[in-house]
Amino acid sequence: MKTLIVIFVVILSLSFKVDAGAESISGQIDRCLAPFSEGKGSLSLTRYFFDLSTRTCKSFKYKGGTVYNFFATSAFCASSCAAYIKT
């Protein structure tokens, strides 16, 4: 299981073109703006995503596969997306 998590983290660290609206000025993907997806697979892990419509971090059940708007903890989501969080 740890190997799967490490592999997934490495994949997330790579730059992928997801959606033109999800790119920042530098051309890198802004994970906070990327579309939400629970993934595809049989996993059921509690993870967090940034919901741009409410400007908050929310939990979801991650199923596996490539997901861009994905954070391991609520705190990491909040710190990563602080510029977009509703105050």
Protein backbone atom coordinates (compact mmCIF):
# COMPACT_ATOMS: atom_id res chain seq x y z
CA MET A 1 0.00 0.00 0.00
CA LYS A 2 2.85 2.42 0.84
CA THR A 3 4.40 1.73 -2.56
CA LEU A 4 1.11 2.63 -4.26
CA ILE A 5 0.92 5.91 -2.34
CA VAL A 6 4.54 6.80 -3.19
CA ILE A 7 3.93 6.07 -6.87
CA PHE A 8 0.79 8.19 -6.83
CA VAL A 9 2.58 11.13 -5.19
CA VAL A 10 5.31 10.96 -7.84
CA ILE A 11 2.70 10.97 -10.60
CA LEU A 12 0.98 13.99 -9.05
CA SER A 13 4.24 15.88 -8.90
CA LEU A 14 4.61 15.71 -12.68
CA SER A 15 3.12 18.45 -14.83
CA PHE A 16 0.15 17.38 -16.93
CA LYS A 17 -2.13 19.44 -19.12
CA VAL A 18 -5.58 19.04 -17.60
CA ASP A 19 -7.72 21.99 -18.55
CA ALA A 20 -6.71 25.41 -19.84
CA GLY A 21 -8.65 26.97 -16.96
CA ALA A 22 -6.56 25.06 -14.41
CA GLU A 23 -3.21 26.49 -15.49
CA SER A 24 -1.53 29.24 -13.53
CA ILE A 25 0.41 32.10 -15.10
CA SER A 26 3.59 29.98 -15.04
CA GLY A 27 1.88 27.26 -17.09
CA GLN A 28 1.91 24.82 -14.19
CA ILE A 29 -1.31 23.14 -13.16
CA ASP A 30 -3.02 24.85 -10.27
CA ARG A 31 -4.38 21.87 -8.36
CA CYS A 32 -6.96 24.09 -6.64
CA LEU A 33 -8.52 25.05 -9.99
CA ALA A 34 -8.38 21.60 -11.57
CA PRO A 35 -11.71 19.84 -12.06
CA PHE A 36 -12.82 17.50 -9.26
CA SER A 37 -12.73 13.76 -9.87
CA GLU A 38 -12.98 10.91 -7.39
CA GLY A 39 -10.84 8.76 -9.68
CA LYS A 40 -11.45 5.32 -11.10
CA GLY A 41 -10.68 2.16 -9.22
CA SER A 42 -11.58 0.14 -6.17
CA LEU A 43 -9.83 2.15 -3.45
CA SER A 44 -11.87 4.00 -0.85
CA LEU A 45 -9.55 6.49 0.87
CA THR A 46 -10.70 9.71 2.48
CA ARG A 47 -8.98 12.61 0.74
CA TYR A 48 -9.71 16.30 0.17
CA PHE A 49 -10.35 18.54 -2.83
CA PHE A 50 -10.80 22.26 -3.26
CA ASP A 51 -14.35 23.18 -4.28
CA LEU A 52 -14.03 26.41 -6.23
CA SER A 53 -17.79 27.06 -6.14
CA THR A 54 -17.81 27.25 -2.32
CA ARG A 55 -14.13 28.17 -1.96
CA THR A 56 -13.65 25.49 0.70
CA CYS A 57 -11.85 22.18 1.05
CA LYS A 58 -14.15 19.16 1.16
CA SER A 59 -13.61 15.47 1.81
CA PHE A 60 -14.33 12.73 -0.70
CA LYS A 61 -13.64 9.02 -1.18
CA TYR A 62 -10.69 8.65 -3.55
CA LYS A 63 -11.06 5.55 -5.74
CA GLY A 64 -7.63 5.54 -7.38
CA GLY A 65 -5.99 6.62 -10.61
CA THR A 66 -4.89 10.07 -11.73
CA VAL A 67 -6.63 12.93 -9.94
CA TYR A 68 -5.32 16.50 -9.97
CA ASN A 69 -7.47 18.33 -7.41
CA PHE A 70 -6.42 16.00 -4.58
CA PHE A 71 -4.90 16.58 -1.14
CA ALA A 72 -4.00 14.03 1.53
CA THR A 73 -5.22 16.22 4.40
CA SER A 74 -7.65 19.06 4.92
CA ALA A 75 -4.81 21.21 6.29
CA PHE A 76 -2.68 20.63 3.17
CA CYS A 77 -5.66 21.52 0.96
CA ALA A 78 -6.26 24.71 2.94
CA SER A 79 -2.62 25.80 2.86
CA SER A 80 -2.23 24.96 -0.84
CA CYS A 81 -5.39 26.82 -1.82
CA ALA A 82 -5.16 29.68 0.69
CA ALA A 83 -5.31 32.29 -2.08
CA TYR A 84 -8.77 31.02 -3.07
CA ILE A 85 -10.27 30.24 0.38
CA LYS A 86 -13.34 32.22 1.37
CA THR A 87 -12.63 34.38 4.43
